[in-house]
Amino acid sequence: MLIERKSKISFLHQGYFFQLYAQYFALQEMGFPVEELVLRSLEDNKRYTVPLPTGESLREFEETIDAMQSFQMNHSSLETNLKKCEHCIYQTLCRPDL
């Protein structure tokens, strides 16, 4: 069982699933079989079972990996979500104007 712990999960973001998928495939490649994926919210002690990556979820994950591998930095094409920037730990590095 692979468990990813978060301080508090108020919404199951796609990124949480993709993080688990990446860890799942890394462990599989190293020879460690993983039969179950779980997200755990520490603050409220909730557990969320995540299905193993197959079908549509696997396709979306692979498309995201492909997009990351072919990404070309172009500041004019970057979209900024200011609500996310306000709470980001890297805000002072990339958006000191906030």
Protein backbone atom coordinates (compact mmCIF):
# COMPACT_ATOMS: atom_id res chain seq x y z
CA MET A 1 0.00 0.00 0.00
CA LEU A 2 1.34 3.40 -1.02
CA ILE A 3 0.06 6.22 1.20
CA GLU A 4 0.56 9.93 0.45
CA ARG A 5 -0.09 12.10 3.49
CA LYS A 6 -1.32 15.69 3.24
CA SER A 7 -1.92 18.13 6.08
CA LYS A 8 -5.56 18.55 5.14
CA ILE A 9 -7.41 17.42 2.04
CA SER A 10 -10.45 19.58 1.36
CA PHE A 11 -10.63 18.72 -2.35
CA LEU A 12 -9.16 15.79 -4.30
CA HIS A 13 -7.00 17.60 -6.85
CA GLN A 14 -5.84 15.85 -9.99
CA GLY A 15 -2.28 16.67 -8.95
CA TYR A 16 -2.67 14.49 -5.85
CA PHE A 17 -3.58 11.55 -8.08
CA PHE A 18 -0.71 12.25 -10.48
CA GLN A 19 1.75 12.49 -7.59
CA LEU A 20 0.66 9.05 -6.39
CA TYR A 21 0.82 7.66 -9.94
CA ALA A 22 4.41 8.89 -10.34
CA GLN A 23 5.39 7.30 -7.03
CA TYR A 24 3.53 4.11 -8.00
CA PHE A 25 5.39 3.73 -11.30
CA ALA A 26 8.75 4.53 -9.66
CA LEU A 27 8.22 1.83 -7.05
CA GLN A 28 7.05 -0.65 -9.70
CA GLU A 29 10.16 0.02 -11.78
CA MET A 30 12.33 -0.61 -8.71
CA GLY A 31 10.64 -3.98 -8.21
CA PHE A 32 8.30 -3.09 -5.34
CA PRO A 33 4.75 -4.22 -6.10
CA VAL A 34 2.05 -1.73 -5.13
CA GLU A 35 -1.50 -3.02 -4.87
CA GLU A 36 -3.29 -0.04 -3.36
CA LEU A 37 -3.01 3.78 -3.47
CA VAL A 38 -4.28 5.94 -0.61
CA LEU A 39 -4.41 9.65 0.17
CA ARG A 40 -4.54 10.48 3.88
CA SER A 41 -5.68 13.78 5.33
CA LEU A 42 -3.83 14.20 8.63
CA GLU A 43 -5.86 17.01 10.17
CA ASP A 44 -9.20 15.18 10.02
CA ASN A 45 -7.80 11.62 9.77
CA LYS A 46 -9.66 10.80 6.54
CA ARG A 47 -8.45 8.24 4.00
CA TYR A 48 -9.25 8.28 0.31
CA THR A 49 -8.63 5.19 -1.79
CA VAL A 50 -7.27 6.08 -5.22
CA PRO A 51 -7.80 3.64 -8.10
CA LEU A 52 -4.65 2.33 -9.78
CA PRO A 53 -3.83 4.17 -13.01
CA THR A 54 -5.63 2.47 -15.90
CA GLY A 55 -7.67 3.52 -18.91
CA GLU A 56 -8.58 7.21 -18.93
CA SER A 57 -6.63 8.10 -15.76
CA LEU A 58 -3.48 6.52 -17.20
CA ARG A 59 -3.97 8.32 -20.53
CA GLU A 60 -4.35 11.71 -18.77
CA PHE A 61 -1.25 11.04 -16.66
CA GLU A 62 0.80 10.08 -19.74
CA GLU A 63 -0.40 13.19 -21.60
CA THR A 64 0.69 15.35 -18.68
CA ILE A 65 4.13 13.72 -18.62
CA ASP A 66 4.44 14.24 -22.40
CA ALA A 67 3.45 17.91 -22.03
CA MET A 68 6.03 18.38 -19.27
CA GLN A 69 8.77 16.77 -21.35
CA SER A 70 8.04 18.97 -24.37
CA PHE A 71 7.52 22.21 -22.39
CA GLN A 72 9.35 25.25 -23.69
CA MET A 73 9.67 28.22 -21.33
CA ASN A 74 7.97 31.27 -22.79
CA HIS A 75 6.93 33.82 -20.18
CA SER A 76 4.37 35.41 -22.48
CA SER A 77 2.46 32.12 -22.74
CA LEU A 78 2.28 31.48 -18.99
CA GLU A 79 -1.10 31.90 -17.34
CA THR A 80 -1.13 33.11 -13.77
CA ASN A 81 -3.77 32.16 -11.24
CA LEU A 82 -3.42 34.94 -8.67
CA LYS A 83 -5.46 33.06 -6.05
CA LYS A 84 -2.90 30.25 -6.14
CA CYS A 85 0.00 32.72 -6.17
CA GLU A 86 -1.24 34.38 -2.97
CA HIS A 87 -0.72 31.15 -1.01
CA CYS A 88 2.31 29.78 -2.84
CA ILE A 89 5.54 29.27 -0.89
CA TYR A 90 7.51 30.45 -3.95
CA GLN A 91 5.58 33.71 -4.34
CA THR A 92 8.47 35.91 -3.22
CA LEU A 93 10.73 34.31 -5.83
CA CYS A 94 8.58 34.55 -8.94
CA ARG A 95 5.86 37.09 -8.04
CA PRO A 96 7.33 39.61 -5.58
CA ASP A 97 4.73 42.15 -6.80
CA LEU A 98 1.97 40.34 -4.88
